[in-house]
C-alpha atoms as a PDB file:
ATOM      1  CA  MET A   1       0.000   0.000   0.000  1.00  0.00           C
ATOM      2  CA  LYS A   2       1.294   3.447  -0.886  1.00  0.00           C
ATOM      3  CA  GLU A   3       1.960   5.984   1.815  1.00  0.00           C
ATOM      4  CA  LYS A   4      -0.124   9.153   1.613  1.00  0.00           C
ATOM      5  CA  SER A   5       2.945  11.165   0.637  1.00  0.00           C
ATOM      6  CA  ASP A   6       3.360   8.906  -2.407  1.00  0.00           C
ATOM      7  CA  VAL A   7      -0.299   9.148  -3.407  1.00  0.00           C
ATOM      8  CA  MET A   8      -0.421  12.934  -3.282  1.00  0.00           C
ATOM      9  CA  GLN A   9       0.624  14.687  -6.451  1.00  0.00           C
ATOM     10  CA  THR A  10       3.998  16.403  -6.690  1.00  0.00           C
ATOM     11  CA  GLU A  11       4.213  20.067  -7.669  1.00  0.00           C
ATOM     12  CA  GLU A  12       5.075  19.013 -11.223  1.00  0.00           C
ATOM     13  CA  GLN A  13       2.093  16.640 -11.400  1.00  0.00           C
ATOM     14  CA  PHE A  14      -0.159  19.338  -9.956  1.00  0.00           C
ATOM     15  CA  GLN A  15       1.064  21.777 -12.620  1.00  0.00           C
ATOM     16  CA  ASP A  16       0.215  19.261 -15.348  1.00  0.00           C
ATOM     17  CA  TRP A  17      -3.194  18.684 -13.777  1.00  0.00           C
ATOM     18  CA  LEU A  18      -3.901  22.436 -13.703  1.00  0.00           C
ATOM     19  CA  THR A  19      -2.981  22.680 -17.388  1.00  0.00           C
ATOM     20  CA  GLN A  20      -5.276  19.781 -18.286  1.00  0.00           C
ATOM     21  CA  HIS A  21      -8.182  21.534 -16.540  1.00  0.00           C
ATOM     22  CA  PHE A  22      -7.373  25.003 -17.925  1.00  0.00           C
ATOM     23  CA  LEU A  23      -6.900  26.462 -14.452  1.00  0.00           C
ATOM     24  CA  GLU A  24      -4.920  29.619 -13.695  1.00  0.00           C
ATOM     25  CA  PRO A  25      -1.561  28.256 -12.493  1.00  0.00           C
ATOM     26  CA  LYS A  26      -0.065  31.088 -10.439  1.00  0.00           C
ATOM     27  CA  HIS A  27      -2.767  31.263  -7.768  1.00  0.00           C
ATOM     28  CA  TRP A  28      -3.189  27.510  -7.435  1.00  0.00           C
ATOM     29  CA  GLN A  29       0.535  26.764  -7.360  1.00  0.00           C
ATOM     30  CA  GLN A  30       0.863  29.161  -4.432  1.00  0.00           C
ATOM     31  CA  GLN A  31      -1.997  27.442  -2.624  1.00  0.00           C
ATOM     32  CA  PHE A  32      -0.440  24.055  -3.329  1.00  0.00           C
ATOM     33  CA  LYS A  33       2.911  25.128  -1.881  1.00  0.00           C
ATOM     34  CA  LEU A  34       1.217  26.451   1.260  1.00  0.00           C
ATOM     35  CA  ALA A  35      -0.772  23.237   1.544  1.00  0.00           C
ATOM     36  CA  LYS A  36       2.425  21.194   1.278  1.00  0.00           C
ATOM     37  CA  LYS A  37       3.758  23.213   4.222  1.00  0.00           C
ATOM     38  CA  GLY A  38       0.682  22.249   6.256  1.00  0.00           C
ATOM     39  CA  ILE A  39      -1.157  25.595   6.153  1.00  0.00           C
ATOM     40  CA  GLU A  40      -4.608  24.380   7.161  1.00  0.00           C
ATOM     41  CA  GLN A  41      -6.754  26.713   5.071  1.00  0.00           C
ATOM     42  CA  SER A  42      -4.720  26.010   1.928  1.00  0.00           C
ATOM     43  CA  VAL A  43      -4.953  22.262   2.493  1.00  0.00           C
ATOM     44  CA  VAL A  44      -8.750  22.544   2.473  1.00  0.00           C
ATOM     45  CA  VAL A  45      -8.751  24.890  -0.541  1.00  0.00           C
ATOM     46  CA  VAL A  46      -6.640  22.476  -2.598  1.00  0.00           C
ATOM     47  CA  ALA A  47      -8.810  19.555  -1.528  1.00  0.00           C
ATOM     48  CA  LEU A  48     -11.975  21.372  -2.609  1.00  0.00           C
ATOM     49  CA  LEU A  49     -10.397  22.209  -5.965  1.00  0.00           C
ATOM     50  CA  TYR A  50      -9.845  18.510  -6.579  1.00  0.00           C
ATOM     51  CA  LYS A  51     -13.383  17.726  -5.394  1.00  0.00           C
ATOM     52  CA  GLU A  52     -14.875  20.336  -7.736  1.00  0.00           C
ATOM     53  CA  HIS A  53     -13.218  18.555 -10.650  1.00  0.00           C
ATOM     54  CA  GLN A  54     -14.322  15.097  -9.497  1.00  0.00           C
ATOM     55  CA  ASN A  55     -10.816  13.968  -8.542  1.00  0.00           C
ATOM     56  CA  PHE A  56     -12.000  12.228  -5.406  1.00  0.00           C
ATOM     57  CA  GLU A  57      -8.743  10.355  -4.760  1.00  0.00           C
ATOM     58  CA  GLN A  58      -6.732  13.554  -4.365  1.00  0.00           C
ATOM     59  CA  ALA A  59      -9.600  15.332  -2.582  1.00  0.00           C
ATOM     60  CA  ASN A  60      -9.723  12.463  -0.105  1.00  0.00           C
ATOM     61  CA  GLU A  61      -5.977  12.593   0.534  1.00  0.00           C
ATOM     62  CA  TRP A  62      -5.883  16.335   1.179  1.00  0.00           C
ATOM     63  CA  LEU A  63      -9.039  16.363   3.278  1.00  0.00           C
ATOM     64  CA  ASN A  64      -7.594  13.614   5.469  1.00  0.00           C
ATOM     65  CA  LYS A  65      -4.484  15.743   5.865  1.00  0.00           C
ATOM     66  CA  ALA A  66      -6.652  18.651   7.052  1.00  0.00           C
ATOM     67  CA  ILE A  67      -8.579  16.357   9.382  1.00  0.00           C
ATOM     68  CA  LEU A  68      -5.312  15.376  11.059  1.00  0.00           C
ATOM     69  CA  LEU A  69      -4.956  19.106  11.753  1.00  0.00           C
ATOM     70  CA  GLY A  70      -8.395  19.057  13.435  1.00  0.00           C
ATOM     71  CA  ASN A  71     -10.246  20.918  10.675  1.00  0.00           C
ATOM     72  CA  THR A  72     -14.022  20.344  10.975  1.00  0.00           C
ATOM     73  CA  GLU A  73     -14.710  21.809   7.515  1.00  0.00           C
ATOM     74  CA  ALA A  74     -12.503  19.061   6.085  1.00  0.00           C
ATOM     75  CA  MET A  75     -14.487  16.436   8.000  1.00  0.00           C
ATOM     76  CA  TYR A  76     -17.715  17.826   6.566  1.00  0.00           C
ATOM     77  CA  GLU A  77     -16.337  18.017   3.015  1.00  0.00           C
ATOM     78  CA  LEU A  78     -14.928  14.504   3.220  1.00  0.00           C
ATOM     79  CA  GLY A  79     -18.436  13.426   4.181  1.00  0.00           C
ATOM     80  CA  ASN A  80     -19.633  15.125   0.992  1.00  0.00           C
ATOM     81  CA  VAL A  81     -16.980  13.284  -1.035  1.00  0.00           C
ATOM     82  CA  TYR A  82     -18.061   9.934   0.388  1.00  0.00           C
ATOM     83  CA  PHE A  83     -21.712  10.794  -0.228  1.00  0.00           C
ATOM     84  CA  GLU A  84     -21.003  11.649  -3.883  1.00  0.00           C
ATOM     85  CA  MET A  85     -19.113   8.362  -4.140  1.00  0.00           C
ATOM     86  CA  GLU A  86     -22.258   6.657  -2.746  1.00  0.00           C
ATOM     87  CA  ASP A  87     -20.362   5.426   0.307  1.00  0.00           C
ATOM     88  CA  GLU A  88     -23.145   6.369   2.712  1.00  0.00           C
ATOM     89  CA  GLU A  89     -21.717   4.682   5.800  1.00  0.00           C
ATOM     90  CA  ARG A  90     -18.430   6.572   5.652  1.00  0.00           C
ATOM     91  CA  ALA A  91     -20.285   9.786   4.780  1.00  0.00           C
ATOM     92  CA  PHE A  92     -22.426   9.290   7.872  1.00  0.00           C
ATOM     93  CA  GLU A  93     -19.372   8.796  10.083  1.00  0.00           C
ATOM     94  CA  MET A  94     -17.689  11.954   8.771  1.00  0.00           C
ATOM     95  CA  TYR A  95     -20.826  14.057   9.172  1.00  0.00           C
ATOM     96  CA  LYS A  96     -21.297  12.705  12.680  1.00  0.00           C
ATOM     97  CA  LYS A  97     -17.721  13.497  13.657  1.00  0.00           C
ATOM     98  CA  ALA A  98     -17.948  17.052  12.297  1.00  0.00           C
ATOM     99  CA  ALA A  99     -21.418  17.583  13.782  1.00  0.00           C
ATOM    100  CA  GLN A 100     -20.269  16.532  17.233  1.00  0.00           C
ATOM    101  CA  LEU A 101     -17.517  19.143  16.933  1.00  0.00           C
ATOM    102  CA  GLY A 102     -20.065  21.835  16.101  1.00  0.00           C
ATOM    103  CA  HIS A 103     -20.126  22.097  12.285  1.00  0.00           C
ATOM    104  CA  PRO A 104     -23.637  23.422  11.393  1.00  0.00           C
ATOM    105  CA  ASP A 105     -23.962  21.981   7.872  1.00  0.00           C
ATOM    106  CA  ALA A 106     -22.657  18.631   9.081  1.00  0.00           C
ATOM    107  CA  MET A 107     -25.386  18.680  11.740  1.00  0.00           C
ATOM    108  CA  ASN A 108     -27.981  19.231   9.014  1.00  0.00           C
ATOM    109  CA  ASN A 109     -26.587  16.469   6.780  1.00  0.00           C
ATOM    110  CA  LEU A 110     -26.339  14.076   9.706  1.00  0.00           C
ATOM    111  CA  ALA A 111     -29.986  14.793  10.487  1.00  0.00           C
ATOM    112  CA  ASP A 112     -30.893  14.127   6.856  1.00  0.00           C
ATOM    113  CA  MET A 113     -29.171  10.761   7.017  1.00  0.00           C
ATOM    114  CA  TYR A 114     -31.028   9.783  10.182  1.00  0.00           C
ATOM    115  CA  PHE A 115     -34.281  11.003   8.628  1.00  0.00           C
ATOM    116  CA  ASN A 116     -33.796   9.071   5.370  1.00  0.00           C
ATOM    117  CA  GLY A 117     -32.008   6.052   6.844  1.00  0.00           C
ATOM    118  CA  GLU A 118     -28.883   6.636   4.750  1.00  0.00           C
ATOM    119  CA  GLY A 119     -25.704   5.054   6.114  1.00  0.00           C
ATOM    120  CA  THR A 120     -27.540   4.345   9.365  1.00  0.00           C
ATOM    121  CA  GLY A 121     -30.945   3.267  10.649  1.00  0.00           C
ATOM    122  CA  HIS A 122     -34.008   5.455  10.083  1.00  0.00           C
ATOM    123  CA  ASP A 123     -34.492   7.457  13.295  1.00  0.00           C
ATOM    124  CA  GLU A 124     -36.827  10.464  13.236  1.00  0.00           C
ATOM    125  CA  ARG A 125     -36.129  11.436  16.846  1.00  0.00           C
ATOM    126  CA  LEU A 126     -32.375  11.671  16.270  1.00  0.00           C
ATOM    127  CA  ALA A 127     -33.123  13.522  13.035  1.00  0.00           C
ATOM    128  CA  LEU A 128     -35.205  16.017  15.005  1.00  0.00           C
ATOM    129  CA  LYS A 129     -32.397  16.433  17.546  1.00  0.00           C
ATOM    130  CA  TRP A 130     -29.778  17.242  14.906  1.00  0.00           C
ATOM    131  CA  PHE A 131     -32.069  19.388  12.759  1.00  0.00           C
ATOM    132  CA  THR A 132     -32.764  21.403  15.915  1.00  0.00           C
ATOM    133  CA  LYS A 133     -29.041  21.822  16.608  1.00  0.00           C
ATOM    134  CA  ALA A 134     -28.443  22.854  12.994  1.00  0.00           C
ATOM    135  CA  ALA A 135     -31.308  25.355  13.131  1.00  0.00           C
ATOM    136  CA  GLU A 136     -29.944  26.812  16.354  1.00  0.00           C
ATOM    137  CA  SER A 137     -26.667  27.278  14.466  1.00  0.00           C
ATOM    138  CA  GLY A 138     -28.434  29.217  11.701  1.00  0.00           C
ATOM    139  CA  VAL A 139     -29.012  26.587   8.983  1.00  0.00           C
ATOM    140  CA  VAL A 140     -32.225  27.738   7.286  1.00  0.00           C
ATOM    141  CA  GLU A 141     -32.720  24.408   5.482  1.00  0.00           C
ATOM    142  CA  ALA A 142     -32.920  22.743   8.883  1.00  0.00           C
ATOM    143  CA  MET A 143     -35.507  25.292  10.029  1.00  0.00           C
ATOM    144  CA  PHE A 144     -37.674  24.450   7.014  1.00  0.00           C
ATOM    145  CA  THR A 145     -37.370  20.713   7.684  1.00  0.00           C
ATOM    146  CA  LEU A 146     -38.333  21.245  11.313  1.00  0.00           C
ATOM    147  CA  GLY A 147     -41.426  23.058  10.075  1.00  0.00           C
ATOM    148  CA  ILE A 148     -42.372  19.957   8.099  1.00  0.00           C
ATOM    149  CA  MET A 149     -41.647  17.643  11.026  1.00  0.00           C
ATOM    150  CA  TYR A 150     -43.775  19.625  13.475  1.00  0.00           C
ATOM    151  CA  GLU A 151     -46.536  20.054  10.902  1.00  0.00           C
ATOM    152  CA  GLN A 152     -46.699  16.348  10.101  1.00  0.00           C
ATOM    153  CA  GLY A 153     -45.744  14.924  13.491  1.00  0.00           C
ATOM    154  CA  LEU A 154     -42.492  13.285  12.373  1.00  0.00           C
ATOM    155  CA  GLY A 155     -40.258  12.416  15.323  1.00  0.00           C
ATOM    156  CA  THR A 156     -42.445  14.558  17.542  1.00  0.00           C
ATOM    157  CA  GLU A 157     -46.052  15.484  18.252  1.00  0.00           C
ATOM    158  CA  VAL A 158     -47.917  17.651  15.767  1.00  0.00           C
ATOM    159  CA  ASP A 159     -47.464  21.281  16.788  1.00  0.00           C
ATOM    160  CA  ASP A 160     -48.922  23.838  14.385  1.00  0.00           C
ATOM    161  CA  GLN A 161     -47.445  26.836  16.172  1.00  0.00           C
ATOM    162  CA  GLN A 162     -43.939  25.355  16.212  1.00  0.00           C
ATOM    163  CA  ALA A 163     -44.256  24.485  12.539  1.00  0.00           C
ATOM    164  CA  LEU A 164     -45.332  28.042  11.693  1.00  0.00           C
ATOM    165  CA  THR A 165     -42.519  29.506  13.782  1.00  0.00           C
ATOM    166  CA  PHE A 166     -39.864  27.432  12.001  1.00  0.00           C
ATOM    167  CA  TYR A 167     -41.266  28.257   8.547  1.00  0.00           C
ATOM    168  CA  GLU A 168     -41.187  31.956   9.457  1.00  0.00           C
ATOM    169  CA  GLU A 169     -37.617  31.729  10.758  1.00  0.00           C
ATOM    170  CA  ALA A 170     -36.480  29.933   7.608  1.00  0.00           C
ATOM    171  CA  ALA A 171     -38.278  32.452   5.400  1.00  0.00           C
ATOM    172  CA  ARG A 172     -36.541  35.326   7.181  1.00  0.00           C
ATOM    173  CA  GLY A 173     -33.291  33.521   6.399  1.00  0.00           C
ATOM    174  CA  GLY A 174     -34.191  33.465   2.701  1.00  0.00           C
ATOM    175  CA  ASP A 175     -35.331  29.845   2.343  1.00  0.00           C
ATOM    176  CA  VAL A 176     -37.438  29.741  -0.834  1.00  0.00           C
ATOM    177  CA  GLU A 177     -39.444  26.638   0.038  1.00  0.00           C
ATOM    178  CA  SER A 178     -40.442  28.229   3.347  1.00  0.00           C
ATOM    179  CA  LEU A 179     -41.617  31.363   1.562  1.00  0.00           C
ATOM    180  CA  TYR A 180     -43.754  29.210  -0.717  1.00  0.00           C
ATOM    181  CA  ARG A 181     -45.068  27.094   2.168  1.00  0.00           C
ATOM    182  CA  LEU A 182     -46.128  30.211   4.079  1.00  0.00           C
ATOM    183  CA  GLY A 183     -47.967  31.358   0.966  1.00  0.00           C
ATOM    184  CA  MET A 184     -49.863  28.066   0.902  1.00  0.00           C
ATOM    185  CA  ILE A 185     -50.596  28.248   4.632  1.00  0.00           C
ATOM    186  CA  TYR A 186     -52.281  31.633   4.259  1.00  0.00           C
ATOM    187  CA  PHE A 187     -53.918  30.711   0.941  1.00  0.00           C
ATOM    188  CA  GLU A 188     -55.509  27.561   2.408  1.00  0.00           C
ATOM    189  CA  GLY A 189     -55.912  28.694   6.008  1.00  0.00           C
ATOM    190  CA  ALA A 190     -53.652  25.937   7.370  1.00  0.00           C
ATOM    191  CA  LEU A 191     -51.861  25.528  10.728  1.00  0.00           C
ATOM    192  CA  GLY A 192     -54.691  27.275  12.553  1.00  0.00           C
ATOM    193  CA  GLN A 193     -54.250  30.472  10.539  1.00  0.00           C
ATOM    194  CA  PRO A 194     -57.182  32.273   8.890  1.00  0.00           C
ATOM    195  CA  GLN A 195     -57.191  32.476   5.110  1.00  0.00           C
ATOM    196  CA  ASN A 196     -55.440  35.675   4.070  1.00  0.00           C
ATOM    197  CA  ARG A 197     -55.085  36.306   0.358  1.00  0.00           C
ATOM    198  CA  GLU A 198     -52.874  39.365   0.802  1.00  0.00           C
ATOM    199  CA  GLN A 199     -50.423  37.442   2.963  1.00  0.00           C
ATOM    200  CA  ALA A 200     -50.497  34.515   0.559  1.00  0.00           C
ATOM    201  CA  ILE A 201     -49.709  36.795  -2.387  1.00  0.00           C
ATOM    202  CA  TYR A 202     -46.922  38.465  -0.420  1.00  0.00           C
ATOM    203  CA  TYR A 203     -45.160  35.146   0.224  1.00  0.00           C
ATOM    204  CA  PHE A 204     -45.801  33.793  -3.285  1.00  0.00           C
ATOM    205  CA  GLU A 205     -44.270  36.962  -4.727  1.00  0.00           C
ATOM    206  CA  GLN A 206     -41.233  36.555  -2.470  1.00  0.00           C
ATOM    207  CA  ALA A 207     -40.820  32.946  -3.643  1.00  0.00           C
ATOM    208  CA  ALA A 208     -41.354  33.952  -7.279  1.00  0.00           C
ATOM    209  CA  GLU A 209     -38.471  36.397  -7.026  1.00  0.00           C
ATOM    210  CA  HIS A 210     -36.348  33.266  -6.577  1.00  0.00           C
ATOM    211  CA  PHE A 211     -38.009  31.622  -9.624  1.00  0.00           C
ATOM    212  CA  HIS A 212     -40.189  29.199  -7.664  1.00  0.00           C
ATOM    213  CA  LEU A 213     -42.312  27.541 -10.366  1.00  0.00           C
ATOM    214  CA  ASP A 214     -45.384  26.800  -8.230  1.00  0.00           C
ATOM    215  CA  ALA A 215     -45.358  30.320  -6.804  1.00  0.00           C
ATOM    216  CA  PHE A 216     -45.650  31.736 -10.342  1.00  0.00           C
ATOM    217  CA  PHE A 217     -48.519  29.348 -11.120  1.00  0.00           C
ATOM    218  CA  ASN A 218     -50.375  30.242  -7.918  1.00  0.00           C
ATOM    219  CA  LEU A 219     -50.010  33.952  -8.595  1.00  0.00           C
ATOM    220  CA  GLY A 220     -51.464  33.333 -12.053  1.00  0.00           C
ATOM    221  CA  TYR A 221     -54.299  31.289 -10.554  1.00  0.00           C
ATOM    222  CA  ILE A 222     -55.151  34.016  -8.037  1.00  0.00           C
ATOM    223  CA  SER A 223     -54.989  36.720 -10.705  1.00  0.00           C
ATOM    224  CA  GLU A 224     -57.249  34.757 -13.066  1.00  0.00           C
ATOM    225  CA  LEU A 225     -59.861  33.161 -10.828  1.00  0.00           C
ATOM    226  CA  GLU A 226     -59.995  35.426  -7.800  1.00  0.00           C
ATOM    227  CA  GLU A 227     -59.129  38.827  -9.231  1.00  0.00           C
ATOM    228  CA  GLY A 228     -60.361  38.394 -12.813  1.00  0.00           C
ATOM    229  CA  LEU A 229     -57.135  39.938 -14.164  1.00  0.00           C
ATOM    230  CA  MET A 230     -56.339  37.676 -17.102  1.00  0.00           C
ATOM    231  CA  GLU A 231     -53.486  39.732 -18.542  1.00  0.00           C
ATOM    232  CA  LYS A 232     -51.751  39.656 -15.165  1.00  0.00           C
ATOM    233  CA  ALA A 233     -52.430  35.922 -14.931  1.00  0.00           C
ATOM    234  CA  VAL A 234     -50.903  35.353 -18.372  1.00  0.00           C
ATOM    235  CA  HIS A 235     -47.730  37.103 -17.244  1.00  0.00           C
ATOM    236  CA  TYR A 236     -47.344  34.685 -14.325  1.00  0.00           C
ATOM    237  CA  TYR A 237     -48.318  31.620 -16.385  1.00  0.00           C
ATOM    238  CA  LYS A 238     -45.639  32.521 -18.924  1.00  0.00           C
ATOM    239  CA  GLN A 239     -43.020  32.699 -16.174  1.00  0.00           C
ATOM    240  CA  ALA A 240     -44.065  29.282 -14.880  1.00  0.00           C
ATOM    241  CA  SER A 241     -44.163  27.803 -18.393  1.00  0.00           C
ATOM    242  CA  LEU A 242     -40.655  29.030 -19.106  1.00  0.00           C
ATOM    243  CA  LEU A 243     -39.583  27.099 -16.018  1.00  0.00           C
ATOM    244  CA  GLY A 244     -41.197  23.955 -17.435  1.00  0.00           C
ATOM    245  CA  ASP A 245     -44.685  23.918 -15.893  1.00  0.00           C
ATOM    246  CA  LEU A 246     -47.231  21.894 -17.882  1.00  0.00           C
ATOM    247  CA  GLU A 247     -50.383  23.288 -16.240  1.00  0.00           C
ATOM    248  CA  SER A 248     -49.359  26.883 -16.876  1.00  0.00           C
ATOM    249  CA  THR A 249     -48.644  26.058 -20.502  1.00  0.00           C
ATOM    250  CA  LYS A 250     -52.102  24.470 -20.856  1.00  0.00           C
ATOM    251  CA  LYS A 251     -53.603  27.650 -19.395  1.00  0.00           C
ATOM    252  CA  LEU A 252     -51.767  29.712 -22.009  1.00  0.00           C
ATOM    253  CA  VAL A 253     -52.905  27.452 -24.867  1.00  0.00           C
ATOM    254  CA  HIS A 254     -56.527  27.732 -23.705  1.00  0.00           C
ATOM    255  CA  TYR A 255     -56.303  31.522 -23.364  1.00  0.00           C
ATOM    256  CA  TYR A 256     -54.700  32.137 -26.750  1.00  0.00           C
ATOM    257  CA  GLU A 257     -57.020  29.728 -28.556  1.00  0.00           C
ATOM    258  CA  GLN A 258     -59.710  32.284 -27.780  1.00  0.00           C
ATOM    259  CA  THR A 259     -57.672  35.407 -28.539  1.00  0.00           C
ATOM    260  CA  ASN A 260     -54.671  34.835 -30.833  1.00  0.00           C
ATOM    261  CA  ASP A 261     -54.209  31.851 -33.169  1.00  0.00           C
ATOM    262  CA  ALA A 262     -50.502  32.454 -33.759  1.00  0.00           C
ATOM    263  CA  GLN A 263     -49.766  32.617 -30.050  1.00  0.00           C
ATOM    264  CA  ALA A 264     -51.944  29.562 -29.459  1.00  0.00           C
ATOM    265  CA  GLN A 265     -49.837  27.570 -31.942  1.00  0.00           C
ATOM    266  CA  LYS A 266     -46.630  28.754 -30.267  1.00  0.00           C
ATOM    267  CA  TRP A 267     -47.782  27.589 -26.854  1.00  0.00           C
ATOM    268  CA  ARG A 268     -49.181  24.306 -28.233  1.00  0.00           C
ATOM    269  CA  GLU A 269     -45.690  23.583 -29.549  1.00  0.00           C
ATOM    270  CA  LYS A 270     -44.226  24.411 -26.145  1.00  0.00           C
ATOM    271  CA  LEU A 271     -46.774  22.113 -24.497  1.00  0.00           C
ATOM    272  CA  THR A 272     -45.874  19.245 -26.830  1.00  0.00           C
ATOM    273  CA  TYR A 273     -42.194  19.753 -26.099  1.00  0.00           C
ATOM    274  CA  LEU A 274     -42.762  19.696 -22.325  1.00  0.00           C
ATOM    275  CA  GLN A 275     -44.970  16.593 -22.546  1.00  0.00           C
ATOM    276  CA  GLN A 276     -42.372  14.732 -24.607  1.00  0.00           C
ATOM    277  CA  ASP A 277     -39.564  15.863 -22.309  1.00  0.00           C
ATOM    278  CA  GLY A 278     -41.454  14.501 -19.305  1.00  0.00           C
ATOM    279  CA  GLU A 279     -41.920  11.020 -20.785  1.00  0.00           C
END
């Protein structure tokens, strides 16, 4: 078995590798030299460069070097490498190690693995524990997932207020799915909240700014059927159709069949394309 020092590329080999991948040599050669000297940040940077270009062998070697220096980011990223290599058990162990040392994203990924039973047994209560820790550390994705868990009673009792609170926290952090979910909550009157069209529109518009397909469709639906503003609805349906939504495209075909034959043909062709693409 080769020693790690033999497996790692030499400066000359690294230079050749940079050339093959059309990477700017001066910056990366400097990082490589610093990494060779054991500068922790540079070790991680070089490892992530290899990972970005799917060179998992070298990424693994450099991340392990950073782990020996106690770097939790390297533990987390090595977990990502193992996960991409479909080695779920080793990914789980790396995420767990980094999570126990306080890495927020590792906490979230560890929770995901407990929740989905990847690399370990399915355990919703442990998932809830680690999603909570990740949320407390500012991971908005974890806040959104906690909203789902409290809404559906996964790993805990159903708690509408807790679910709403986590969705709101995640939305304030910019989580697009939480913005959309809040729109649906106020549109439907869910989680003990009264129906509130203005609030629903507000959250759908926020989600649409991030190109959320269903938010565009819902804004079109509200404009058409509740406000009677078909031109406004068409604008939103077009946005959703451009993102690949079949129902919005059908709406556009139906509208233009009554108003503009040329446009109707255009959107029929788009509908056919989307239907074939989805087969």
